[in-house]
Amino acid sequence: MKKLFISGLIIFIIFFASGAMTWFTIDKNKYDNRHYTKTINSKIEHLSISTVTTNVNVISGKKLAVYFTGDNKINVTKNNKRLSIKEKRAVDRGYGLNFNPFHSNNRKLTIVVPEKDLKSLNIQSLLGEIDLNQVNLKHVSLETDRIIQLKRSELNQVNIESSKANFYITDCLIREGRMKLDKGITHVKNSTLSDTVFLVNRGDISMTDMKSNNDIKASTQRGNINYHFGEKPKNTLLKLHPGHGNKEIKNRYFDKGKVGNSDNILEFYTVDGDIKIE
């Protein structure tokens, strides 16, 4: 009886494994990546991008170009000087939910943008990461619930909004910014920001190796604000308002919360959190 049970179990495992392998292998073909490449030769002033899970990378170049790799479809439409790029689920992609261990999400959309012509960039992604690297743009609007990175870029006006994400700003010049985040981490490094506001409900705000003259307002309901100068501060006034937390100024150049005149203001608020200036 015991041998019969073991034999039956072995037969079941063999048939189950063979069936599963066949199903996964056949289904894997439905997830084969598509490749889309298009160069836009006409003048585009407004670019709008909408994705679901595709990661979006924006880089600088001479001509506007679109490069996509993934198992979904990308629709690119042009209307006058406006270009729209939208991700849509491919009807032959297989199942609505991915149960196939052979398949991983490698969807990637790369946009090459010229610096002169483009006036506005709008990116909305449900679960895709957004990365802007070495671009010079006038108006930028970004929205996702994943990761947003701005690197080595010069931006005149930036609006970022997310319910749950992490913001990373590195080596950037931002002349006007509005960043709104419900939950997540905000990290700014080696950057110059003027007329910029960070509104965070839950999460720390960290700014390190910052330039000498920044004009920033930042608020977090539940979290700390840490600000570190990478060079000697110039003409800066501190307005620090920790609600139930503590404030600490460890930068020796400040005298009674001020260096020089008040051309630049660092105005920080917390409810349950500390504020530190170094």
C-alpha atoms as a PDB file:
ATOM      1  CA  MET A   1       0.000   0.000   0.000  1.00  0.00           C
ATOM      2  CA  LYS A   2       2.819   2.331   0.878  1.00  0.00           C
ATOM      3  CA  LYS A   3       4.661   1.546  -2.384  1.00  0.00           C
ATOM      4  CA  LEU A   4       1.484   2.170  -4.358  1.00  0.00           C
ATOM      5  CA  PHE A   5       1.028   5.571  -2.690  1.00  0.00           C
ATOM      6  CA  ILE A   6       4.621   6.566  -3.382  1.00  0.00           C
ATOM      7  CA  SER A   7       4.365   5.437  -7.011  1.00  0.00           C
ATOM      8  CA  GLY A   8       1.172   7.437  -7.494  1.00  0.00           C
ATOM      9  CA  LEU A   9       2.731  10.510  -5.906  1.00  0.00           C
ATOM     10  CA  ILE A  10       5.779  10.281  -8.190  1.00  0.00           C
ATOM     11  CA  ILE A  11       3.574   9.931 -11.285  1.00  0.00           C
ATOM     12  CA  PHE A  12       1.505  12.946 -10.184  1.00  0.00           C
ATOM     13  CA  ILE A  13       4.597  15.087  -9.645  1.00  0.00           C
ATOM     14  CA  ILE A  14       6.027  14.137 -13.045  1.00  0.00           C
ATOM     15  CA  PHE A  15       2.816  14.937 -14.925  1.00  0.00           C
ATOM     16  CA  PHE A  16       2.224  18.143 -12.952  1.00  0.00           C
ATOM     17  CA  ALA A  17       5.771  19.386 -13.559  1.00  0.00           C
ATOM     18  CA  SER A  18       5.569  18.536 -17.260  1.00  0.00           C
ATOM     19  CA  GLY A  19       2.237  20.324 -17.642  1.00  0.00           C
ATOM     20  CA  ALA A  20       3.389  23.367 -15.730  1.00  0.00           C
ATOM     21  CA  MET A  21       6.597  23.591 -17.740  1.00  0.00           C
ATOM     22  CA  THR A  22       4.664  23.346 -20.993  1.00  0.00           C
ATOM     23  CA  TRP A  23       2.192  26.045 -19.904  1.00  0.00           C
ATOM     24  CA  PHE A  24       4.891  28.405 -18.687  1.00  0.00           C
ATOM     25  CA  THR A  25       6.985  27.912 -21.830  1.00  0.00           C
ATOM     26  CA  ILE A  26       4.060  28.485 -24.194  1.00  0.00           C
ATOM     27  CA  ASP A  27       2.854  31.465 -22.208  1.00  0.00           C
ATOM     28  CA  LYS A  28       6.365  32.891 -22.138  1.00  0.00           C
ATOM     29  CA  ASN A  29       6.187  33.484 -25.891  1.00  0.00           C
ATOM     30  CA  LYS A  30       3.216  35.777 -25.351  1.00  0.00           C
ATOM     31  CA  TYR A  31       5.427  38.064 -23.279  1.00  0.00           C
ATOM     32  CA  ASP A  32       8.117  38.536 -25.923  1.00  0.00           C
ATOM     33  CA  ASN A  33       9.395  42.099 -25.928  1.00  0.00           C
ATOM     34  CA  ARG A  34       8.403  44.527 -28.631  1.00  0.00           C
ATOM     35  CA  HIS A  35      10.814  47.175 -29.863  1.00  0.00           C
ATOM     36  CA  TYR A  36       9.666  50.582 -31.062  1.00  0.00           C
ATOM     37  CA  THR A  37      11.937  53.288 -32.450  1.00  0.00           C
ATOM     38  CA  LYS A  38      10.851  56.584 -33.948  1.00  0.00           C
ATOM     39  CA  THR A  39      12.591  59.895 -34.651  1.00  0.00           C
ATOM     40  CA  ILE A  40      10.396  62.993 -34.795  1.00  0.00           C
ATOM     41  CA  ASN A  41      11.807  65.432 -37.338  1.00  0.00           C
ATOM     42  CA  SER A  42       9.113  68.099 -37.011  1.00  0.00           C
ATOM     43  CA  LYS A  43       9.115  70.751 -34.294  1.00  0.00           C
ATOM     44  CA  ILE A  44       7.450  69.657 -31.035  1.00  0.00           C
ATOM     45  CA  GLU A  45       6.773  72.135 -28.240  1.00  0.00           C
ATOM     46  CA  HIS A  46       4.629  70.044 -25.882  1.00  0.00           C
ATOM     47  CA  LEU A  47       5.281  66.413 -24.965  1.00  0.00           C
ATOM     48  CA  SER A  48       2.860  64.274 -22.944  1.00  0.00           C
ATOM     49  CA  ILE A  49       3.713  60.755 -21.732  1.00  0.00           C
ATOM     50  CA  SER A  50       1.378  58.289 -20.013  1.00  0.00           C
ATOM     51  CA  THR A  51       2.471  54.829 -18.847  1.00  0.00           C
ATOM     52  CA  VAL A  52       1.212  52.159 -16.474  1.00  0.00           C
ATOM     53  CA  THR A  53       4.248  50.152 -15.361  1.00  0.00           C
ATOM     54  CA  THR A  54       6.863  51.208 -17.908  1.00  0.00           C
ATOM     55  CA  ASN A  55       9.903  53.070 -16.586  1.00  0.00           C
ATOM     56  CA  VAL A  56      10.468  56.401 -18.337  1.00  0.00           C
ATOM     57  CA  ASN A  57      13.926  57.845 -18.997  1.00  0.00           C
ATOM     58  CA  VAL A  58      14.338  61.330 -20.472  1.00  0.00           C
ATOM     59  CA  ILE A  59      17.724  62.386 -21.824  1.00  0.00           C
ATOM     60  CA  SER A  60      19.042  65.247 -23.942  1.00  0.00           C
ATOM     61  CA  GLY A  61      19.827  65.002 -27.648  1.00  0.00           C
ATOM     62  CA  LYS A  62      19.736  66.827 -30.968  1.00  0.00           C
ATOM     63  CA  LYS A  63      16.440  65.360 -32.234  1.00  0.00           C
ATOM     64  CA  LEU A  64      13.303  64.179 -30.493  1.00  0.00           C
ATOM     65  CA  ALA A  65      13.271  60.383 -30.498  1.00  0.00           C
ATOM     66  CA  VAL A  66      11.264  57.575 -28.889  1.00  0.00           C
ATOM     67  CA  TYR A  67      12.700  54.175 -27.936  1.00  0.00           C
ATOM     68  CA  PHE A  68      10.529  51.513 -26.298  1.00  0.00           C
ATOM     69  CA  THR A  69      11.165  47.941 -25.204  1.00  0.00           C
ATOM     70  CA  GLY A  70       8.460  45.880 -23.515  1.00  0.00           C
ATOM     71  CA  ASP A  71       5.547  43.493 -23.895  1.00  0.00           C
ATOM     72  CA  ASN A  72       2.915  46.221 -24.087  1.00  0.00           C
ATOM     73  CA  LYS A  73       2.113  48.607 -26.917  1.00  0.00           C
ATOM     74  CA  ILE A  74       3.102  52.241 -27.295  1.00  0.00           C
ATOM     75  CA  ASN A  75       0.895  54.649 -29.218  1.00  0.00           C
ATOM     76  CA  VAL A  76       2.607  57.792 -30.528  1.00  0.00           C
ATOM     77  CA  THR A  77       0.357  60.508 -31.925  1.00  0.00           C
ATOM     78  CA  LYS A  78       1.202  63.981 -33.199  1.00  0.00           C
ATOM     79  CA  ASN A  79      -1.159  66.938 -33.349  1.00  0.00           C
ATOM     80  CA  ASN A  80       0.361  70.192 -34.584  1.00  0.00           C
ATOM     81  CA  LYS A  81       3.249  70.859 -32.194  1.00  0.00           C
ATOM     82  CA  ARG A  82       2.052  68.396 -29.558  1.00  0.00           C
ATOM     83  CA  LEU A  83       3.244  64.818 -29.206  1.00  0.00           C
ATOM     84  CA  SER A  84       1.443  62.215 -27.089  1.00  0.00           C
ATOM     85  CA  ILE A  85       2.938  58.871 -26.038  1.00  0.00           C
ATOM     86  CA  LYS A  86       0.699  56.319 -24.299  1.00  0.00           C
ATOM     87  CA  GLU A  87       1.291  52.804 -23.076  1.00  0.00           C
ATOM     88  CA  LYS A  88      -1.495  50.291 -23.711  1.00  0.00           C
ATOM     89  CA  ARG A  89      -1.772  46.654 -22.746  1.00  0.00           C
ATOM     90  CA  ALA A  90      -1.204  44.363 -25.719  1.00  0.00           C
ATOM     91  CA  VAL A  91      -4.282  42.223 -26.380  1.00  0.00           C
ATOM     92  CA  ASP A  92      -2.122  39.168 -27.118  1.00  0.00           C
ATOM     93  CA  ARG A  93       0.094  39.572 -24.068  1.00  0.00           C
ATOM     94  CA  GLY A  94      -1.406  36.669 -22.166  1.00  0.00           C
ATOM     95  CA  TYR A  95      -3.075  36.945 -18.792  1.00  0.00           C
ATOM     96  CA  GLY A  96      -4.192  40.076 -17.008  1.00  0.00           C
ATOM     97  CA  LEU A  97      -2.064  39.201 -14.005  1.00  0.00           C
ATOM     98  CA  ASN A  98       1.431  37.830 -14.423  1.00  0.00           C
ATOM     99  CA  PHE A  99       1.686  34.396 -12.809  1.00  0.00           C
ATOM    100  CA  ASN A 100       4.467  33.252 -15.091  1.00  0.00           C
ATOM    101  CA  PRO A 101       7.857  33.004 -13.324  1.00  0.00           C
ATOM    102  CA  PHE A 102       9.610  33.068 -16.705  1.00  0.00           C
ATOM    103  CA  HIS A 103       8.406  36.617 -17.256  1.00  0.00           C
ATOM    104  CA  SER A 104       9.814  39.758 -15.642  1.00  0.00           C
ATOM    105  CA  ASN A 105       8.844  43.354 -16.277  1.00  0.00           C
ATOM    106  CA  ASN A 106      11.577  45.003 -18.348  1.00  0.00           C
ATOM    107  CA  ARG A 107       9.448  47.686 -19.936  1.00  0.00           C
ATOM    108  CA  LYS A 108      11.492  50.787 -20.665  1.00  0.00           C
ATOM    109  CA  LEU A 109      10.662  53.974 -22.528  1.00  0.00           C
ATOM    110  CA  THR A 110      13.524  56.321 -23.406  1.00  0.00           C
ATOM    111  CA  ILE A 111      12.778  59.797 -24.740  1.00  0.00           C
ATOM    112  CA  VAL A 112      15.485  61.942 -26.305  1.00  0.00           C
ATOM    113  CA  VAL A 113      14.515  65.609 -26.134  1.00  0.00           C
ATOM    114  CA  PRO A 114      16.145  68.646 -27.802  1.00  0.00           C
ATOM    115  CA  GLU A 115      16.735  71.532 -25.427  1.00  0.00           C
ATOM    116  CA  LYS A 116      15.680  74.398 -27.683  1.00  0.00           C
ATOM    117  CA  ASP A 117      12.213  73.580 -29.002  1.00  0.00           C
ATOM    118  CA  LEU A 118      10.448  71.733 -26.184  1.00  0.00           C
ATOM    119  CA  LYS A 119       8.433  74.050 -23.929  1.00  0.00           C
ATOM    120  CA  SER A 120       6.651  71.563 -21.667  1.00  0.00           C
ATOM    121  CA  LEU A 121       7.028  67.949 -20.577  1.00  0.00           C
ATOM    122  CA  ASN A 122       4.258  66.069 -18.781  1.00  0.00           C
ATOM    123  CA  ILE A 123       4.798  62.512 -17.523  1.00  0.00           C
ATOM    124  CA  GLN A 124       2.191  60.430 -15.696  1.00  0.00           C
ATOM    125  CA  SER A 125       2.918  56.850 -14.688  1.00  0.00           C
ATOM    126  CA  LEU A 126       0.946  54.607 -12.370  1.00  0.00           C
ATOM    127  CA  LEU A 127       3.750  52.284 -11.268  1.00  0.00           C
ATOM    128  CA  GLY A 128       6.724  53.203 -13.442  1.00  0.00           C
ATOM    129  CA  GLU A 129       9.868  55.016 -12.390  1.00  0.00           C
ATOM    130  CA  ILE A 130      10.669  58.422 -13.894  1.00  0.00           C
ATOM    131  CA  ASP A 131      14.241  59.522 -14.558  1.00  0.00           C
ATOM    132  CA  LEU A 132      15.370  62.853 -16.042  1.00  0.00           C
ATOM    133  CA  ASN A 133      19.086  63.053 -16.763  1.00  0.00           C
ATOM    134  CA  GLN A 134      21.068  65.988 -18.170  1.00  0.00           C
ATOM    135  CA  VAL A 135      18.121  67.884 -19.619  1.00  0.00           C
ATOM    136  CA  ASN A 136      17.409  71.603 -19.878  1.00  0.00           C
ATOM    137  CA  LEU A 137      13.655  72.193 -19.887  1.00  0.00           C
ATOM    138  CA  LYS A 138      11.234  75.029 -19.216  1.00  0.00           C
ATOM    139  CA  HIS A 139       8.137  73.385 -17.731  1.00  0.00           C
ATOM    140  CA  VAL A 140       8.059  69.887 -16.259  1.00  0.00           C
ATOM    141  CA  SER A 141       5.175  68.038 -14.585  1.00  0.00           C
ATOM    142  CA  LEU A 142       5.746  64.555 -13.123  1.00  0.00           C
ATOM    143  CA  GLU A 143       3.434  62.116 -11.364  1.00  0.00           C
ATOM    144  CA  THR A 144       4.018  58.512 -10.274  1.00  0.00           C
ATOM    145  CA  ASP A 145       3.826  56.298  -7.198  1.00  0.00           C
ATOM    146  CA  ARG A 146       7.310  54.872  -7.598  1.00  0.00           C
ATOM    147  CA  ILE A 147      10.679  56.641  -7.857  1.00  0.00           C
ATOM    148  CA  ILE A 148      11.388  60.051  -9.389  1.00  0.00           C
ATOM    149  CA  GLN A 149      14.981  61.045 -10.132  1.00  0.00           C
ATOM    150  CA  LEU A 150      16.234  64.381 -11.449  1.00  0.00           C
ATOM    151  CA  LYS A 151      19.944  64.359 -12.250  1.00  0.00           C
ATOM    152  CA  ARG A 152      22.319  66.979 -13.651  1.00  0.00           C
ATOM    153  CA  SER A 153      19.457  69.005 -15.088  1.00  0.00           C
ATOM    154  CA  GLU A 154      18.416  72.644 -15.391  1.00  0.00           C
ATOM    155  CA  LEU A 155      14.680  73.175 -15.012  1.00  0.00           C
ATOM    156  CA  ASN A 156      12.802  76.462 -14.997  1.00  0.00           C
ATOM    157  CA  GLN A 157       9.577  75.176 -13.477  1.00  0.00           C
ATOM    158  CA  VAL A 158       8.877  71.779 -11.922  1.00  0.00           C
ATOM    159  CA  ASN A 159       5.693  70.285 -10.486  1.00  0.00           C
ATOM    160  CA  ILE A 160       5.868  66.840  -8.874  1.00  0.00           C
ATOM    161  CA  GLU A 161       3.000  65.036  -7.180  1.00  0.00           C
ATOM    162  CA  SER A 162       2.728  61.556  -5.714  1.00  0.00           C
ATOM    163  CA  SER A 163       0.832  59.657  -3.056  1.00  0.00           C
ATOM    164  CA  LYS A 164       3.699  57.233  -2.376  1.00  0.00           C
ATOM    165  CA  ALA A 165       7.142  57.684  -3.900  1.00  0.00           C
ATOM    166  CA  ASN A 166      10.753  58.606  -3.302  1.00  0.00           C
ATOM    167  CA  PHE A 167      12.188  61.830  -4.746  1.00  0.00           C
ATOM    168  CA  TYR A 168      15.872  62.130  -5.621  1.00  0.00           C
ATOM    169  CA  ILE A 169      17.299  65.416  -6.935  1.00  0.00           C
ATOM    170  CA  THR A 170      21.035  65.488  -7.659  1.00  0.00           C
ATOM    171  CA  ASP A 171      23.256  68.173  -9.226  1.00  0.00           C
ATOM    172  CA  CYS A 172      20.294  70.220 -10.436  1.00  0.00           C
ATOM    173  CA  LEU A 173      19.350  73.851 -10.909  1.00  0.00           C
ATOM    174  CA  ILE A 174      15.638  74.478 -10.312  1.00  0.00           C
ATOM    175  CA  ARG A 175      14.306  78.019 -10.586  1.00  0.00           C
ATOM    176  CA  GLU A 176      10.771  77.244  -9.410  1.00  0.00           C
ATOM    177  CA  GLY A 177       9.459  74.013  -7.941  1.00  0.00           C
ATOM    178  CA  ARG A 178       6.376  72.547  -6.274  1.00  0.00           C
ATOM    179  CA  MET A 179       6.808  69.044  -4.834  1.00  0.00           C
ATOM    180  CA  LYS A 180       3.884  67.347  -3.098  1.00  0.00           C
ATOM    181  CA  LEU A 181       4.213  63.900  -1.543  1.00  0.00           C
ATOM    182  CA  ASP A 182       1.908  62.015   0.802  1.00  0.00           C
ATOM    183  CA  LYS A 183       4.370  59.323   1.889  1.00  0.00           C
ATOM    184  CA  GLY A 184       8.008  58.751   1.010  1.00  0.00           C
ATOM    185  CA  ILE A 185      11.577  59.992   1.179  1.00  0.00           C
ATOM    186  CA  THR A 186      12.840  63.245  -0.307  1.00  0.00           C
ATOM    187  CA  HIS A 187      16.580  63.570  -0.908  1.00  0.00           C
ATOM    188  CA  VAL A 188      18.248  66.566  -2.567  1.00  0.00           C
ATOM    189  CA  LYS A 189      22.004  66.690  -3.141  1.00  0.00           C
ATOM    190  CA  ASN A 190      24.454  69.305  -4.447  1.00  0.00           C
ATOM    191  CA  SER A 191      21.751  71.461  -6.005  1.00  0.00           C
ATOM    192  CA  THR A 192      20.574  75.055  -6.274  1.00  0.00           C
ATOM    193  CA  LEU A 193      16.855  75.586  -5.752  1.00  0.00           C
ATOM    194  CA  SER A 194      15.006  78.890  -5.756  1.00  0.00           C
ATOM    195  CA  ASP A 195      11.325  79.520  -5.059  1.00  0.00           C
ATOM    196  CA  THR A 196      10.866  75.816  -4.346  1.00  0.00           C
ATOM    197  CA  VAL A 197       8.359  74.198  -1.975  1.00  0.00           C
ATOM    198  CA  PHE A 198       8.320  70.648  -0.591  1.00  0.00           C
ATOM    199  CA  LEU A 199       5.078  69.477   1.026  1.00  0.00           C
ATOM    200  CA  VAL A 200       5.313  66.029   2.627  1.00  0.00           C
ATOM    201  CA  ASN A 201       2.773  64.342   4.858  1.00  0.00           C
ATOM    202  CA  ARG A 202       4.832  61.370   6.070  1.00  0.00           C
ATOM    203  CA  GLY A 203       8.546  61.092   5.444  1.00  0.00           C
ATOM    204  CA  ASP A 204      11.950  62.656   6.013  1.00  0.00           C
ATOM    205  CA  ILE A 205      13.359  65.488   3.916  1.00  0.00           C
ATOM    206  CA  SER A 206      17.125  65.377   3.506  1.00  0.00           C
ATOM    207  CA  MET A 207      19.282  67.925   1.670  1.00  0.00           C
ATOM    208  CA  THR A 208      23.036  67.343   1.559  1.00  0.00           C
ATOM    209  CA  ASP A 209      26.040  69.147   0.054  1.00  0.00           C
ATOM    210  CA  MET A 210      23.794  72.026  -0.934  1.00  0.00           C
ATOM    211  CA  LYS A 211      24.988  75.125  -2.759  1.00  0.00           C
ATOM    212  CA  SER A 212      25.551  78.414  -0.948  1.00  0.00           C
ATOM    213  CA  ASN A 213      22.337  80.198  -1.912  1.00  0.00           C
ATOM    214  CA  ASN A 214      19.017  78.361  -1.849  1.00  0.00           C
ATOM    215  CA  ASP A 215      15.498  79.661  -1.344  1.00  0.00           C
ATOM    216  CA  ILE A 216      13.414  76.726  -0.096  1.00  0.00           C
ATOM    217  CA  LYS A 217      10.272  76.073   1.904  1.00  0.00           C
ATOM    218  CA  ALA A 218       9.768  72.564   3.249  1.00  0.00           C
ATOM    219  CA  SER A 219       7.176  70.959   5.477  1.00  0.00           C
ATOM    220  CA  THR A 220       6.642  67.424   6.770  1.00  0.00           C
ATOM    221  CA  GLN A 221       3.901  66.364   9.148  1.00  0.00           C
ATOM    222  CA  ARG A 222       5.656  63.229  10.385  1.00  0.00           C
ATOM    223  CA  GLY A 223       9.363  63.255   9.679  1.00  0.00           C
ATOM    224  CA  ASN A 224      12.622  65.134  10.123  1.00  0.00           C
ATOM    225  CA  ILE A 225      14.251  67.825   8.002  1.00  0.00           C
ATOM    226  CA  ASN A 226      18.040  67.747   7.700  1.00  0.00           C
ATOM    227  CA  TYR A 227      19.870  70.394   5.684  1.00  0.00           C
ATOM    228  CA  HIS A 228      23.621  70.333   5.054  1.00  0.00           C
ATOM    229  CA  PHE A 229      25.593  73.063   3.266  1.00  0.00           C
ATOM    230  CA  GLY A 230      28.304  71.785   0.945  1.00  0.00           C
ATOM    231  CA  GLU A 231      29.888  75.240   0.881  1.00  0.00           C
ATOM    232  CA  LYS A 232      29.789  78.459   2.883  1.00  0.00           C
ATOM    233  CA  PRO A 233      26.219  79.843   2.995  1.00  0.00           C
ATOM    234  CA  LYS A 234      25.567  83.273   1.487  1.00  0.00           C
ATOM    235  CA  ASN A 235      22.883  85.812   2.386  1.00  0.00           C
ATOM    236  CA  THR A 236      20.616  83.256   4.020  1.00  0.00           C
ATOM    237  CA  LEU A 237      17.946  83.595   6.695  1.00  0.00           C
ATOM    238  CA  LEU A 238      16.715  80.575   8.646  1.00  0.00           C
ATOM    239  CA  LYS A 239      13.067  80.237   9.645  1.00  0.00           C
ATOM    240  CA  LEU A 240      12.796  76.962  11.529  1.00  0.00           C
ATOM    241  CA  HIS A 241       9.516  75.802  13.050  1.00  0.00           C
ATOM    242  CA  PRO A 242       9.630  72.337  14.641  1.00  0.00           C
ATOM    243  CA  GLY A 243       6.233  71.628  16.175  1.00  0.00           C
ATOM    244  CA  HIS A 244       6.835  68.923  18.774  1.00  0.00           C
ATOM    245  CA  GLY A 245      10.462  68.381  17.790  1.00  0.00           C
ATOM    246  CA  ASN A 246      13.759  70.170  18.243  1.00  0.00           C
ATOM    247  CA  LYS A 247      15.802  72.507  16.070  1.00  0.00           C
ATOM    248  CA  GLU A 248      19.574  72.478  15.888  1.00  0.00           C
ATOM    249  CA  ILE A 249      21.907  74.836  14.003  1.00  0.00           C
ATOM    250  CA  LYS A 250      25.401  73.366  13.731  1.00  0.00           C
ATOM    251  CA  ASN A 251      26.715  75.575  10.925  1.00  0.00           C
ATOM    252  CA  ARG A 252      29.227  78.034  12.385  1.00  0.00           C
ATOM    253  CA  TYR A 253      28.551  80.759   9.807  1.00  0.00           C
ATOM    254  CA  PHE A 254      25.092  81.537  11.134  1.00  0.00           C
ATOM    255  CA  ASP A 255      24.653  84.236  13.744  1.00  0.00           C
ATOM    256  CA  LYS A 256      21.195  84.263  15.262  1.00  0.00           C
ATOM    257  CA  GLY A 257      19.879  82.294  12.307  1.00  0.00           C
ATOM    258  CA  LYS A 258      21.292  84.585   9.641  1.00  0.00           C
ATOM    259  CA  VAL A 259      24.232  84.976   7.250  1.00  0.00           C
ATOM    260  CA  GLY A 260      24.527  88.320   5.421  1.00  0.00           C
ATOM    261  CA  ASN A 261      21.224  89.740   4.233  1.00  0.00           C
ATOM    262  CA  SER A 262      17.971  87.837   3.715  1.00  0.00           C
ATOM    263  CA  ASP A 263      17.991  87.323  -0.047  1.00  0.00           C
ATOM    264  CA  ASN A 264      17.626  83.561   0.473  1.00  0.00           C
ATOM    265  CA  ILE A 265      15.292  82.009   3.021  1.00  0.00           C
ATOM    266  CA  LEU A 266      15.247  78.449   4.303  1.00  0.00           C
ATOM    267  CA  GLU A 267      11.813  78.065   5.875  1.00  0.00           C
ATOM    268  CA  PHE A 268      11.185  74.633   7.384  1.00  0.00           C
ATOM    269  CA  TYR A 269       8.209  73.200   9.296  1.00  0.00           C
ATOM    270  CA  THR A 270       7.639  69.907  11.109  1.00  0.00           C
ATOM    271  CA  VAL A 271       4.831  68.682  13.334  1.00  0.00           C
ATOM    272  CA  ASP A 272       6.386  65.522  14.798  1.00  0.00           C
ATOM    273  CA  GLY A 273      10.015  65.804  13.791  1.00  0.00           C
ATOM    274  CA  ASP A 274      13.312  67.608  14.265  1.00  0.00           C
ATOM    275  CA  ILE A 275      15.047  70.220  12.104  1.00  0.00           C
ATOM    276  CA  LYS A 276      18.827  70.284  11.781  1.00  0.00           C
ATOM    277  CA  ILE A 277      21.066  72.712   9.856  1.00  0.00           C
ATOM    278  CA  GLU A 278      24.706  71.797   9.302  1.00  0.00           C
END
